[in-house]
Amino acid sequence: MDLTTLLGLILGLGAIVGGYLMDGGHLSSLIIPSAALIVFGGTFGAVAAGFPGHVLKSIPQALGIAFKQTKRDSSKNIEEIVDMATVARREGVLALEQRAQEHPNPFLKDGLLMVVDGTDPELTRQILELEMDAVEHKVEGMAKVFEAAGGYAPTMGIIGTVMGLIHVLGNLDDPGTLGPAIAVAFTATLYGVMSANVIYLPIANKIKIRAKEQIAEMELMLEGILALQAGENPQLIKKKLTSFVSDKKATKNQPEEGALEGEEK
């Protein structure tokens, strides 16, 4: 499990509730079933209305991506590809068939099998790039579900607050109940804003980060497969893939152009 996701949610919710309690608030005042029904039920309903069924069915998988720690070892992938390139140069690509059939990574498995079958390199690239696009599109769709929920939730909170205030204004005969009733009404806004910014949007962001990591891994494998297919020297393949990973990290850590211009000014 990715503890950063879980700890982040706990820390965010705990800070909000803890700050409220420090000011003398009571936890029972935050538990309003009617407000929760309006905000969470309305948000889920809006999301269901806005996305097709096959996307909604992927929500459990999306949560798994956000909460599950996926180990990605670029160095191990590079060493494995270099080892296979060495075998291919010494014994031919057909010697990789059994190894390709048993490989646990479906993307690398497909690429190796195409190499063994003698598929044209350009066609191999096109097919694997289409697979990458499909994965990216699918994961982006998962993230958009939570982004949409993060957009709907505050609005549902406002709706719940307005409905509560309507109820308050309709019962002005008893001024002593106005304060508590208004507080209950604004709880809906709290639910909406809190759930959007502490739950839905952070999860969407984590899913998008995971997608970028997966695509980067697939890009490395693609370059390795094509180099292996071209019969390149294993040491040159290792150098190329290692520099490929280094370039990715450098690009990721490089300041934005606007920031550099700002420093120069």
C-alpha atoms as a PDB file:
ATOM      1  CA  MET A   1       0.000   0.000   0.000  1.00  0.00           C
ATOM      2  CA  ASP A   2       1.118   3.555  -0.741  1.00  0.00           C
ATOM      3  CA  LEU A   3       1.251   5.044   2.744  1.00  0.00           C
ATOM      4  CA  THR A   4       1.621   8.597   1.416  1.00  0.00           C
ATOM      5  CA  THR A   5      -1.911   8.520   0.028  1.00  0.00           C
ATOM      6  CA  LEU A   6      -3.434   7.099   3.194  1.00  0.00           C
ATOM      7  CA  LEU A   7      -1.411   9.294   5.538  1.00  0.00           C
ATOM      8  CA  GLY A   8      -2.144  12.353   3.441  1.00  0.00           C
ATOM      9  CA  LEU A   9      -5.899  11.789   3.677  1.00  0.00           C
ATOM     10  CA  ILE A  10      -5.695  11.122   7.404  1.00  0.00           C
ATOM     11  CA  LEU A  11      -3.527  14.191   7.967  1.00  0.00           C
ATOM     12  CA  GLY A  12      -5.798  16.440   5.903  1.00  0.00           C
ATOM     13  CA  LEU A  13      -9.024  15.326   7.541  1.00  0.00           C
ATOM     14  CA  GLY A  14      -7.391  15.184  10.974  1.00  0.00           C
ATOM     15  CA  ALA A  15      -6.055  18.744  10.673  1.00  0.00           C
ATOM     16  CA  ILE A  16      -9.486  20.097   9.749  1.00  0.00           C
ATOM     17  CA  VAL A  17     -11.358  18.242  12.476  1.00  0.00           C
ATOM     18  CA  GLY A  18      -8.594  18.825  15.015  1.00  0.00           C
ATOM     19  CA  GLY A  19      -8.575  22.571  14.371  1.00  0.00           C
ATOM     20  CA  TYR A  20     -12.337  22.651  14.822  1.00  0.00           C
ATOM     21  CA  LEU A  21     -12.119  20.786  18.125  1.00  0.00           C
ATOM     22  CA  MET A  22      -9.315  23.056  19.354  1.00  0.00           C
ATOM     23  CA  ASP A  23     -11.631  26.032  18.965  1.00  0.00           C
ATOM     24  CA  GLY A  24     -14.134  24.380  21.294  1.00  0.00           C
ATOM     25  CA  GLY A  25     -16.290  22.682  18.694  1.00  0.00           C
ATOM     26  CA  HIS A  26     -18.009  19.367  19.248  1.00  0.00           C
ATOM     27  CA  LEU A  27     -17.529  16.421  16.934  1.00  0.00           C
ATOM     28  CA  SER A  28     -21.245  15.646  16.997  1.00  0.00           C
ATOM     29  CA  SER A  29     -21.902  19.042  15.403  1.00  0.00           C
ATOM     30  CA  LEU A  30     -20.051  17.917  12.271  1.00  0.00           C
ATOM     31  CA  ILE A  31     -22.103  14.750  11.803  1.00  0.00           C
ATOM     32  CA  ILE A  32     -25.230  15.818   9.921  1.00  0.00           C
ATOM     33  CA  PRO A  33     -26.738  12.892   7.967  1.00  0.00           C
ATOM     34  CA  SER A  34     -28.992  15.083   5.806  1.00  0.00           C
ATOM     35  CA  ALA A  35     -26.051  17.254   4.701  1.00  0.00           C
ATOM     36  CA  ALA A  36     -23.953  14.158   3.988  1.00  0.00           C
ATOM     37  CA  LEU A  37     -26.764  12.691   1.895  1.00  0.00           C
ATOM     38  CA  ILE A  38     -27.131  15.840  -0.191  1.00  0.00           C
ATOM     39  CA  VAL A  39     -23.401  16.347  -0.770  1.00  0.00           C
ATOM     40  CA  PHE A  40     -22.116  12.800  -1.225  1.00  0.00           C
ATOM     41  CA  GLY A  41     -25.273  11.408  -2.783  1.00  0.00           C
ATOM     42  CA  GLY A  42     -25.589  14.391  -5.115  1.00  0.00           C
ATOM     43  CA  THR A  43     -21.906  14.163  -6.084  1.00  0.00           C
ATOM     44  CA  PHE A  44     -22.071  10.464  -6.849  1.00  0.00           C
ATOM     45  CA  GLY A  45     -25.274  10.992  -8.814  1.00  0.00           C
ATOM     46  CA  ALA A  46     -23.738  13.777 -10.897  1.00  0.00           C
ATOM     47  CA  VAL A  47     -20.658  11.666 -11.608  1.00  0.00           C
ATOM     48  CA  ALA A  48     -22.822   8.694 -12.608  1.00  0.00           C
ATOM     49  CA  ALA A  49     -24.811  10.905 -14.957  1.00  0.00           C
ATOM     50  CA  GLY A  50     -21.685  12.354 -16.530  1.00  0.00           C
ATOM     51  CA  PHE A  51     -19.674   9.192 -17.269  1.00  0.00           C
ATOM     52  CA  PRO A  52     -20.450   5.961 -19.142  1.00  0.00           C
ATOM     53  CA  GLY A  53     -20.813   2.724 -17.257  1.00  0.00           C
ATOM     54  CA  HIS A  54     -17.477   1.199 -18.289  1.00  0.00           C
ATOM     55  CA  VAL A  55     -15.644   4.208 -16.819  1.00  0.00           C
ATOM     56  CA  LEU A  56     -17.611   4.015 -13.563  1.00  0.00           C
ATOM     57  CA  LYS A  57     -16.773   0.314 -13.278  1.00  0.00           C
ATOM     58  CA  SER A  58     -13.082   1.248 -13.260  1.00  0.00           C
ATOM     59  CA  ILE A  59     -13.421   3.280 -10.020  1.00  0.00           C
ATOM     60  CA  PRO A  60     -12.261   0.376  -7.793  1.00  0.00           C
ATOM     61  CA  GLN A  61      -9.250  -0.095 -10.080  1.00  0.00           C
ATOM     62  CA  ALA A  62      -8.563   3.649  -9.931  1.00  0.00           C
ATOM     63  CA  LEU A  63      -8.590   3.541  -6.132  1.00  0.00           C
ATOM     64  CA  GLY A  64      -6.187   0.615  -6.310  1.00  0.00           C
ATOM     65  CA  ILE A  65      -3.819   2.713  -8.428  1.00  0.00           C
ATOM     66  CA  ALA A  66      -4.002   5.580  -5.927  1.00  0.00           C
ATOM     67  CA  PHE A  67      -3.553   3.480  -2.787  1.00  0.00           C
ATOM     68  CA  LYS A  68      -1.334   0.659  -4.026  1.00  0.00           C
ATOM     69  CA  GLN A  69       2.412   1.165  -4.207  1.00  0.00           C
ATOM     70  CA  THR A  70       3.700  -0.085  -7.563  1.00  0.00           C
ATOM     71  CA  LYS A  71       7.383  -0.920  -7.645  1.00  0.00           C
ATOM     72  CA  ARG A  72       9.062   0.235 -10.848  1.00  0.00           C
ATOM     73  CA  ASP A  73      12.729  -0.630 -11.198  1.00  0.00           C
ATOM     74  CA  SER A  74      14.185   0.970 -14.324  1.00  0.00           C
ATOM     75  CA  SER A  75      17.638  -0.464 -13.636  1.00  0.00           C
ATOM     76  CA  LYS A  76      16.242  -3.988 -13.490  1.00  0.00           C
ATOM     77  CA  ASN A  77      14.345  -3.481 -16.751  1.00  0.00           C
ATOM     78  CA  ILE A  78      17.475  -2.163 -18.455  1.00  0.00           C
ATOM     79  CA  GLU A  79      19.591  -5.086 -17.264  1.00  0.00           C
ATOM     80  CA  GLU A  80      16.947  -7.546 -18.432  1.00  0.00           C
ATOM     81  CA  ILE A  81      16.706  -5.984 -21.889  1.00  0.00           C
ATOM     82  CA  VAL A  82      20.510  -5.889 -22.211  1.00  0.00           C
ATOM     83  CA  ASP A  83      20.702  -9.554 -21.213  1.00  0.00           C
ATOM     84  CA  MET A  84      18.114 -10.480 -23.839  1.00  0.00           C
ATOM     85  CA  ALA A  85      19.965  -8.414 -26.448  1.00  0.00           C
ATOM     86  CA  THR A  86      23.122 -10.370 -25.632  1.00  0.00           C
ATOM     87  CA  VAL A  87      21.285 -13.671 -26.109  1.00  0.00           C
ATOM     88  CA  ALA A  88      19.740 -12.429 -29.374  1.00  0.00           C
ATOM     89  CA  ARG A  89      23.123 -11.417 -30.809  1.00  0.00           C
ATOM     90  CA  ARG A  90      24.694 -14.725 -29.835  1.00  0.00           C
ATOM     91  CA  GLU A  91      21.880 -17.175 -30.616  1.00  0.00           C
ATOM     92  CA  GLY A  92      19.353 -15.177 -32.649  1.00  0.00           C
ATOM     93  CA  VAL A  93      16.014 -13.631 -31.666  1.00  0.00           C
ATOM     94  CA  LEU A  94      14.264 -17.019 -31.829  1.00  0.00           C
ATOM     95  CA  ALA A  95      16.145 -17.955 -28.664  1.00  0.00           C
ATOM     96  CA  LEU A  96      14.009 -15.408 -26.819  1.00  0.00           C
ATOM     97  CA  GLU A  97      10.679 -17.034 -27.674  1.00  0.00           C
ATOM     98  CA  GLN A  98      10.319 -19.114 -24.513  1.00  0.00           C
ATOM     99  CA  ARG A  99      11.453 -16.222 -22.351  1.00  0.00           C
ATOM    100  CA  ALA A 100       9.002 -13.897 -24.065  1.00  0.00           C
ATOM    101  CA  GLN A 101       6.106 -16.300 -23.599  1.00  0.00           C
ATOM    102  CA  GLU A 102       6.733 -16.502 -19.850  1.00  0.00           C
ATOM    103  CA  HIS A 103       7.448 -12.815 -19.216  1.00  0.00           C
ATOM    104  CA  PRO A 104       5.106 -11.330 -16.556  1.00  0.00           C
ATOM    105  CA  ASN A 105       4.992  -7.836 -18.089  1.00  0.00           C
ATOM    106  CA  PRO A 106       2.342  -7.897 -20.857  1.00  0.00           C
ATOM    107  CA  PHE A 107       3.766  -4.892 -22.704  1.00  0.00           C
ATOM    108  CA  LEU A 108       7.304  -6.262 -22.873  1.00  0.00           C
ATOM    109  CA  LYS A 109       5.915  -9.700 -23.661  1.00  0.00           C
ATOM    110  CA  ASP A 110       3.970  -8.383 -26.679  1.00  0.00           C
ATOM    111  CA  GLY A 111       6.996  -6.482 -27.948  1.00  0.00           C
ATOM    112  CA  LEU A 112       9.338  -9.443 -27.633  1.00  0.00           C
ATOM    113  CA  LEU A 113       6.902 -11.771 -29.370  1.00  0.00           C
ATOM    114  CA  MET A 114       6.635  -9.344 -32.283  1.00  0.00           C
ATOM    115  CA  VAL A 115      10.428  -9.286 -32.498  1.00  0.00           C
ATOM    116  CA  VAL A 116      10.569 -13.083 -32.451  1.00  0.00           C
ATOM    117  CA  ASP A 117       7.887 -13.256 -35.154  1.00  0.00           C
ATOM    118  CA  GLY A 118       9.907 -10.940 -37.377  1.00  0.00           C
ATOM    119  CA  THR A 119       7.409  -8.091 -37.390  1.00  0.00           C
ATOM    120  CA  ASP A 120       8.510  -4.982 -39.260  1.00  0.00           C
ATOM    121  CA  PRO A 121      10.192  -2.548 -36.804  1.00  0.00           C
ATOM    122  CA  GLU A 122       7.966   0.361 -37.806  1.00  0.00           C
ATOM    123  CA  LEU A 123       4.858  -1.749 -37.333  1.00  0.00           C
ATOM    124  CA  THR A 124       6.193  -2.920 -33.965  1.00  0.00           C
ATOM    125  CA  ARG A 125       6.624   0.693 -32.890  1.00  0.00           C
ATOM    126  CA  GLN A 126       3.131   1.638 -34.068  1.00  0.00           C
ATOM    127  CA  ILE A 127       1.443  -1.250 -32.274  1.00  0.00           C
ATOM    128  CA  LEU A 128       3.287  -0.656 -28.997  1.00  0.00           C
ATOM    129  CA  GLU A 129       2.645   3.097 -29.151  1.00  0.00           C
ATOM    130  CA  LEU A 130      -1.053   2.354 -29.634  1.00  0.00           C
ATOM    131  CA  GLU A 131      -0.939   0.176 -26.516  1.00  0.00           C
ATOM    132  CA  MET A 132       0.683   3.037 -24.618  1.00  0.00           C
ATOM    133  CA  ASP A 133      -1.972   5.464 -25.843  1.00  0.00           C
ATOM    134  CA  ALA A 134      -4.707   3.071 -24.746  1.00  0.00           C
ATOM    135  CA  VAL A 135      -3.233   2.767 -21.243  1.00  0.00           C
ATOM    136  CA  GLU A 136      -2.795   6.537 -20.965  1.00  0.00           C
ATOM    137  CA  HIS A 137      -6.349   7.187 -22.167  1.00  0.00           C
ATOM    138  CA  LYS A 138      -7.800   4.644 -19.736  1.00  0.00           C
ATOM    139  CA  VAL A 139      -5.971   5.998 -16.682  1.00  0.00           C
ATOM    140  CA  GLU A 140      -6.753   9.602 -17.623  1.00  0.00           C
ATOM    141  CA  GLY A 141     -10.423   8.602 -17.734  1.00  0.00           C
ATOM    142  CA  MET A 142     -10.120   7.248 -14.192  1.00  0.00           C
ATOM    143  CA  ALA A 143      -8.552  10.497 -12.999  1.00  0.00           C
ATOM    144  CA  LYS A 144     -11.264  12.567 -14.676  1.00  0.00           C
ATOM    145  CA  VAL A 145     -13.929  10.788 -12.607  1.00  0.00           C
ATOM    146  CA  PHE A 146     -12.360  12.058  -9.392  1.00  0.00           C
ATOM    147  CA  GLU A 147     -11.650  15.468 -10.887  1.00  0.00           C
ATOM    148  CA  ALA A 148     -15.324  15.722 -11.803  1.00  0.00           C
ATOM    149  CA  ALA A 149     -16.305  14.693  -8.275  1.00  0.00           C
ATOM    150  CA  GLY A 150     -13.998  17.405  -6.961  1.00  0.00           C
ATOM    151  CA  GLY A 151     -15.835  19.929  -9.111  1.00  0.00           C
ATOM    152  CA  TYR A 152     -19.348  18.776  -8.233  1.00  0.00           C
ATOM    153  CA  ALA A 153     -18.862  18.393  -4.463  1.00  0.00           C
ATOM    154  CA  PRO A 154     -18.505  22.112  -3.546  1.00  0.00           C
ATOM    155  CA  THR A 155     -21.552  22.921  -5.673  1.00  0.00           C
ATOM    156  CA  MET A 156     -23.544  20.224  -3.931  1.00  0.00           C
ATOM    157  CA  GLY A 157     -22.405  21.717  -0.641  1.00  0.00           C
ATOM    158  CA  ILE A 158     -23.768  25.115  -1.658  1.00  0.00           C
ATOM    159  CA  ILE A 159     -27.031  23.512  -2.730  1.00  0.00           C
ATOM    160  CA  GLY A 160     -27.305  21.819   0.658  1.00  0.00           C
ATOM    161  CA  THR A 161     -26.589  25.107   2.424  1.00  0.00           C
ATOM    162  CA  VAL A 162     -29.189  26.992   0.381  1.00  0.00           C
ATOM    163  CA  MET A 163     -31.768  24.295   1.096  1.00  0.00           C
ATOM    164  CA  GLY A 164     -30.941  24.527   4.797  1.00  0.00           C
ATOM    165  CA  LEU A 165     -31.293  28.308   4.773  1.00  0.00           C
ATOM    166  CA  ILE A 166     -34.639  28.013   3.011  1.00  0.00           C
ATOM    167  CA  HIS A 167     -35.762  25.775   5.843  1.00  0.00           C
ATOM    168  CA  VAL A 168     -34.425  28.286   8.390  1.00  0.00           C
ATOM    169  CA  LEU A 169     -36.164  31.252   6.795  1.00  0.00           C
ATOM    170  CA  GLY A 170     -39.392  29.319   6.720  1.00  0.00           C
ATOM    171  CA  ASN A 171     -39.270  28.909  10.521  1.00  0.00           C
ATOM    172  CA  LEU A 172     -38.497  32.395  11.842  1.00  0.00           C
ATOM    173  CA  ASP A 173     -41.140  32.137  14.580  1.00  0.00           C
ATOM    174  CA  ASP A 174     -38.555  30.756  16.995  1.00  0.00           C
ATOM    175  CA  PRO A 175     -35.449  33.030  16.917  1.00  0.00           C
ATOM    176  CA  GLY A 176     -33.670  30.842  19.457  1.00  0.00           C
ATOM    177  CA  THR A 177     -33.263  28.051  16.936  1.00  0.00           C
ATOM    178  CA  LEU A 178     -31.837  30.204  14.139  1.00  0.00           C
ATOM    179  CA  GLY A 179     -28.176  29.920  15.189  1.00  0.00           C
ATOM    180  CA  PRO A 180     -28.014  26.111  15.400  1.00  0.00           C
ATOM    181  CA  ALA A 181     -30.120  25.738  12.251  1.00  0.00           C
ATOM    182  CA  ILE A 182     -27.825  28.009  10.238  1.00  0.00           C
ATOM    183  CA  ALA A 183     -24.774  26.131  11.539  1.00  0.00           C
ATOM    184  CA  VAL A 184     -26.316  22.866  10.357  1.00  0.00           C
ATOM    185  CA  ALA A 185     -27.004  24.417   6.951  1.00  0.00           C
ATOM    186  CA  PHE A 186     -23.395  25.485   6.478  1.00  0.00           C
ATOM    187  CA  THR A 187     -22.170  22.008   7.343  1.00  0.00           C
ATOM    188  CA  ALA A 188     -23.123  20.984   3.807  1.00  0.00           C
ATOM    189  CA  THR A 189     -20.702  23.543   2.378  1.00  0.00           C
ATOM    190  CA  LEU A 190     -18.003  22.188   4.675  1.00  0.00           C
ATOM    191  CA  TYR A 191     -18.640  18.636   3.457  1.00  0.00           C
ATOM    192  CA  GLY A 192     -18.480  19.716  -0.177  1.00  0.00           C
ATOM    193  CA  VAL A 193     -15.321  21.813  -0.019  1.00  0.00           C
ATOM    194  CA  MET A 194     -13.527  19.406   2.318  1.00  0.00           C
ATOM    195  CA  SER A 195     -14.274  16.275   0.304  1.00  0.00           C
ATOM    196  CA  ALA A 196     -13.230  17.963  -2.944  1.00  0.00           C
ATOM    197  CA  ASN A 197      -9.899  19.322  -1.734  1.00  0.00           C
ATOM    198  CA  VAL A 198      -8.880  16.591   0.705  1.00  0.00           C
ATOM    199  CA  ILE A 199     -10.218  13.461  -1.025  1.00  0.00           C
ATOM    200  CA  TYR A 200     -11.302  13.693  -4.668  1.00  0.00           C
ATOM    201  CA  LEU A 201      -8.733  16.063  -6.199  1.00  0.00           C
ATOM    202  CA  PRO A 202      -5.685  14.587  -4.397  1.00  0.00           C
ATOM    203  CA  ILE A 203      -6.690  11.086  -5.506  1.00  0.00           C
ATOM    204  CA  ALA A 204      -7.104  12.317  -9.100  1.00  0.00           C
ATOM    205  CA  ASN A 205      -3.647  13.864  -8.967  1.00  0.00           C
ATOM    206  CA  LYS A 206      -2.089  10.677  -7.579  1.00  0.00           C
ATOM    207  CA  ILE A 207      -3.682   8.631 -10.381  1.00  0.00           C
ATOM    208  CA  LYS A 208      -2.244  10.993 -13.020  1.00  0.00           C
ATOM    209  CA  ILE A 209       1.225  10.742 -11.467  1.00  0.00           C
ATOM    210  CA  ARG A 210       1.005   6.957 -11.474  1.00  0.00           C
ATOM    211  CA  ALA A 211      -0.015   7.091 -15.154  1.00  0.00           C
ATOM    212  CA  LYS A 212       3.045   9.176 -16.049  1.00  0.00           C
ATOM    213  CA  GLU A 213       5.290   6.718 -14.225  1.00  0.00           C
ATOM    214  CA  GLN A 214       3.763   3.779 -16.096  1.00  0.00           C
ATOM    215  CA  ILE A 215       4.044   5.494 -19.491  1.00  0.00           C
ATOM    216  CA  ALA A 216       7.683   6.397 -18.794  1.00  0.00           C
ATOM    217  CA  GLU A 217       8.404   2.737 -18.014  1.00  0.00           C
ATOM    218  CA  MET A 218       6.672   1.649 -21.211  1.00  0.00           C
ATOM    219  CA  GLU A 219       8.656   4.181 -23.258  1.00  0.00           C
ATOM    220  CA  LEU A 220      11.897   2.732 -21.899  1.00  0.00           C
ATOM    221  CA  MET A 221      10.769  -0.784 -22.791  1.00  0.00           C
ATOM    222  CA  LEU A 222       9.746   0.362 -26.275  1.00  0.00           C
ATOM    223  CA  GLU A 223      13.167   1.842 -26.978  1.00  0.00           C
ATOM    224  CA  GLY A 224      14.818  -1.304 -25.642  1.00  0.00           C
ATOM    225  CA  ILE A 225      12.660  -3.604 -27.765  1.00  0.00           C
ATOM    226  CA  LEU A 226      13.376  -1.627 -30.944  1.00  0.00           C
ATOM    227  CA  ALA A 227      17.114  -1.546 -30.201  1.00  0.00           C
ATOM    228  CA  LEU A 228      17.085  -5.292 -29.567  1.00  0.00           C
ATOM    229  CA  GLN A 229      15.199  -5.856 -32.816  1.00  0.00           C
ATOM    230  CA  ALA A 230      17.741  -3.744 -34.715  1.00  0.00           C
ATOM    231  CA  GLY A 231      20.542  -5.952 -33.395  1.00  0.00           C
ATOM    232  CA  GLU A 232      22.358  -3.124 -31.644  1.00  0.00           C
ATOM    233  CA  ASN A 233      25.310  -3.799 -29.389  1.00  0.00           C
ATOM    234  CA  PRO A 234      24.054  -4.708 -25.866  1.00  0.00           C
ATOM    235  CA  GLN A 235      26.405  -2.217 -24.212  1.00  0.00           C
ATOM    236  CA  LEU A 236      25.210   0.542 -26.512  1.00  0.00           C
ATOM    237  CA  ILE A 237      21.618  -0.407 -25.673  1.00  0.00           C
ATOM    238  CA  LYS A 238      22.444  -0.153 -21.972  1.00  0.00           C
ATOM    239  CA  LYS A 239      24.031   3.242 -22.480  1.00  0.00           C
ATOM    240  CA  LYS A 240      21.070   4.471 -24.514  1.00  0.00           C
ATOM    241  CA  LEU A 241      18.456   3.309 -22.013  1.00  0.00           C
ATOM    242  CA  THR A 242      20.424   4.598 -19.035  1.00  0.00           C
ATOM    243  CA  SER A 243      20.747   8.026 -20.651  1.00  0.00           C
ATOM    244  CA  PHE A 244      17.045   7.823 -21.541  1.00  0.00           C
ATOM    245  CA  VAL A 245      16.157   7.460 -17.865  1.00  0.00           C
ATOM    246  CA  SER A 246      18.601  10.206 -16.884  1.00  0.00           C
ATOM    247  CA  ASP A 247      17.086  12.572 -19.460  1.00  0.00           C
ATOM    248  CA  LYS A 248      13.619  11.885 -18.089  1.00  0.00           C
ATOM    249  CA  LYS A 249      14.733  12.717 -14.558  1.00  0.00           C
ATOM    250  CA  ALA A 250      16.553  15.840 -15.714  1.00  0.00           C
ATOM    251  CA  THR A 251      13.490  17.053 -17.609  1.00  0.00           C
ATOM    252  CA  LYS A 252      11.307  16.363 -14.584  1.00  0.00           C
ATOM    253  CA  ASN A 253      13.618  18.316 -12.252  1.00  0.00           C
ATOM    254  CA  GLN A 254      14.351  21.152 -14.695  1.00  0.00           C
ATOM    255  CA  PRO A 255      12.767  24.527 -13.735  1.00  0.00           C
ATOM    256  CA  GLU A 256      10.119  25.881 -16.044  1.00  0.00           C
ATOM    257  CA  GLU A 257      11.225  28.314 -18.724  1.00  0.00           C
ATOM    258  CA  GLY A 258       9.166  31.091 -17.211  1.00  0.00           C
ATOM    259  CA  ALA A 259      10.821  30.578 -13.842  1.00  0.00           C
ATOM    260  CA  LEU A 260      14.277  30.853 -15.385  1.00  0.00           C
ATOM    261  CA  GLU A 261      13.330  34.009 -17.218  1.00  0.00           C
ATOM    262  CA  GLY A 262      12.012  35.427 -13.977  1.00  0.00           C
ATOM    263  CA  GLU A 263      15.321  34.735 -12.261  1.00  0.00           C
ATOM    264  CA  GLU A 264      17.242  36.418 -15.047  1.00  0.00           C
ATOM    265  CA  LYS A 265      15.101  39.476 -14.768  1.00  0.00           C
END
